[in-house]
Amino acid sequence: MKKIEAIIKPFKLDEVKEALQEIGVQGLSVVEVKGFGRQKGHTELYRGAEYVVDFLPKVKIEVVLPDDQLDGAIEAILNAAKTDKIGDGKIFVSTVDQAIRIRTGEEGDAAL
């Protein structure tokens, strides 16, 4: 099993969710996050004072899926989240050793 963590622009969330559902991904978690990378933030003016906004709003999607769905899920996220502008985000993939469905006790791929 693999876990995908994708950090994307908030307005792309619905497109990414729909793209994942189309390839058969059944569940995902979404967390609102703030951060920066090469985008670095920006300067804003508030009541005549200039200040730097270091952390930009992003959305983190977490999906755990069987190994055979990994490539399709990555491709779906890339195609749906891409704007060709700086700050499109990142995708991280890690290995999941175990998954257990609390209600039934099912383990492994069956728990997904």
Protein backbone atom coordinates (compact mmCIF):
# COMPACT_ATOMS: atom_id res chain seq x y z
CA MET A 1 0.00 0.00 0.00
CA LYS A 2 1.09 3.57 -0.67
CA LYS A 3 0.17 6.91 0.82
CA ILE A 4 0.01 9.95 -1.41
CA GLU A 5 0.22 13.40 0.15
CA ALA A 6 -0.47 16.12 -2.38
CA ILE A 7 -0.21 19.80 -1.52
CA ILE A 8 -2.16 21.83 -4.06
CA LYS A 9 -3.79 25.20 -4.63
CA PRO A 10 -7.17 25.36 -2.84
CA PHE A 11 -9.21 26.18 -5.95
CA LYS A 12 -8.01 22.94 -7.58
CA LEU A 13 -9.44 20.68 -4.84
CA ASP A 14 -12.71 19.80 -6.58
CA GLU A 15 -10.97 18.96 -9.85
CA VAL A 16 -8.46 16.71 -8.09
CA LYS A 17 -11.17 14.98 -6.05
CA GLU A 18 -13.23 14.28 -9.18
CA ALA A 19 -10.18 13.01 -11.09
CA LEU A 20 -9.35 10.58 -8.26
CA GLN A 21 -12.95 9.37 -8.04
CA GLU A 22 -12.98 8.72 -11.81
CA ILE A 23 -10.07 6.27 -11.46
CA GLY A 24 -11.72 4.45 -8.55
CA VAL A 25 -10.18 6.06 -5.47
CA GLN A 26 -12.85 5.67 -2.80
CA GLY A 27 -11.66 7.79 0.08
CA LEU A 28 -9.40 10.70 0.85
CA SER A 29 -8.68 13.19 3.59
CA VAL A 30 -8.31 16.93 3.11
CA VAL A 31 -6.55 19.36 5.42
CA GLU A 32 -6.19 23.12 5.00
CA VAL A 33 -2.51 24.01 5.42
CA LYS A 34 -0.25 27.03 5.03
CA GLY A 35 3.26 27.03 3.73
CA PHE A 36 5.72 28.26 1.17
CA GLY A 37 8.27 26.94 -1.26
CA ARG A 38 9.71 28.74 -4.25
CA GLN A 39 6.60 30.93 -4.30
CA LYS A 40 7.98 32.66 -1.17
CA GLY A 41 4.81 34.52 -0.17
CA HIS A 42 3.97 38.10 -1.05
CA THR A 43 3.71 41.64 0.33
CA GLU A 44 0.37 43.19 1.27
CA LEU A 45 -0.70 46.64 2.35
CA TYR A 46 -2.94 46.89 5.44
CA ARG A 47 -4.01 50.27 6.87
CA GLY A 48 -1.07 51.96 5.23
CA ALA A 49 1.50 49.49 6.58
CA GLU A 50 3.25 47.00 4.34
CA TYR A 51 3.81 43.48 5.63
CA VAL A 52 4.98 40.17 4.23
CA VAL A 53 2.64 37.16 4.06
CA ASP A 54 5.12 34.28 4.38
CA PHE A 55 2.69 31.39 4.45
CA LEU A 56 0.25 30.89 1.61
CA PRO A 57 -2.98 28.89 1.93
CA LYS A 58 -2.82 25.41 0.41
CA VAL A 59 -4.77 22.17 0.66
CA LYS A 60 -3.20 18.82 1.55
CA ILE A 61 -4.89 15.71 0.21
CA GLU A 62 -4.00 12.37 1.76
CA VAL A 63 -4.90 9.10 0.04
CA VAL A 64 -3.92 5.54 0.96
CA LEU A 65 -4.35 3.07 -1.88
CA PRO A 66 -3.20 -0.30 -3.21
CA ASP A 67 0.11 -0.30 -5.11
CA ASP A 68 -1.62 -0.97 -8.43
CA GLN A 69 -3.56 2.33 -8.24
CA LEU A 70 -0.51 4.49 -7.50
CA ASP A 71 0.51 5.51 -11.02
CA GLY A 72 -3.04 6.35 -12.06
CA ALA A 73 -3.60 8.43 -8.95
CA ILE A 74 -0.38 10.40 -9.44
CA GLU A 75 -1.27 11.08 -13.06
CA ALA A 76 -4.81 12.15 -12.09
CA ILE A 77 -3.48 14.59 -9.47
CA LEU A 78 -0.86 16.01 -11.84
CA ASN A 79 -3.36 16.60 -14.63
CA ALA A 80 -6.06 18.09 -12.38
CA ALA A 81 -3.86 20.29 -10.17
CA LYS A 82 -1.50 21.73 -12.77
CA THR A 83 -1.82 25.41 -13.71
CA ASP A 84 1.72 25.80 -15.13
CA LYS A 85 2.35 28.59 -12.62
CA ILE A 86 4.67 28.68 -9.63
CA GLY A 87 3.03 27.28 -6.48
CA ASP A 88 1.16 24.39 -8.11
CA GLY A 89 2.34 22.18 -5.25
CA LYS A 90 4.04 18.86 -4.61
CA ILE A 91 3.21 15.16 -4.41
CA PHE A 92 4.87 12.90 -1.84
CA VAL A 93 4.58 9.11 -1.90
CA SER A 94 5.38 6.84 1.04
CA THR A 95 4.89 3.19 1.91
CA VAL A 96 2.13 2.16 4.33
CA ASP A 97 2.90 -0.99 6.29
CA GLN A 98 -0.57 -1.65 7.64
CA ALA A 99 -4.16 -0.41 7.41
CA ILE A 100 -7.01 -1.59 9.64
CA ARG A 101 -10.70 -0.75 9.31
CA ILE A 102 -11.86 -0.02 12.84
CA ARG A 103 -15.48 -1.11 12.34
CA THR A 104 -14.77 -4.59 10.94
CA GLY A 105 -11.15 -5.31 11.78
CA GLU A 106 -10.33 -5.87 8.10
CA GLU A 107 -6.63 -5.41 7.35
CA GLY A 108 -4.43 -4.51 4.40
CA ASP A 109 -6.00 -3.66 1.03
CA ALA A 110 -9.39 -4.91 2.29
CA ALA A 111 -9.38 -2.09 4.86
CA LEU A 112 -9.10 0.56 2.20
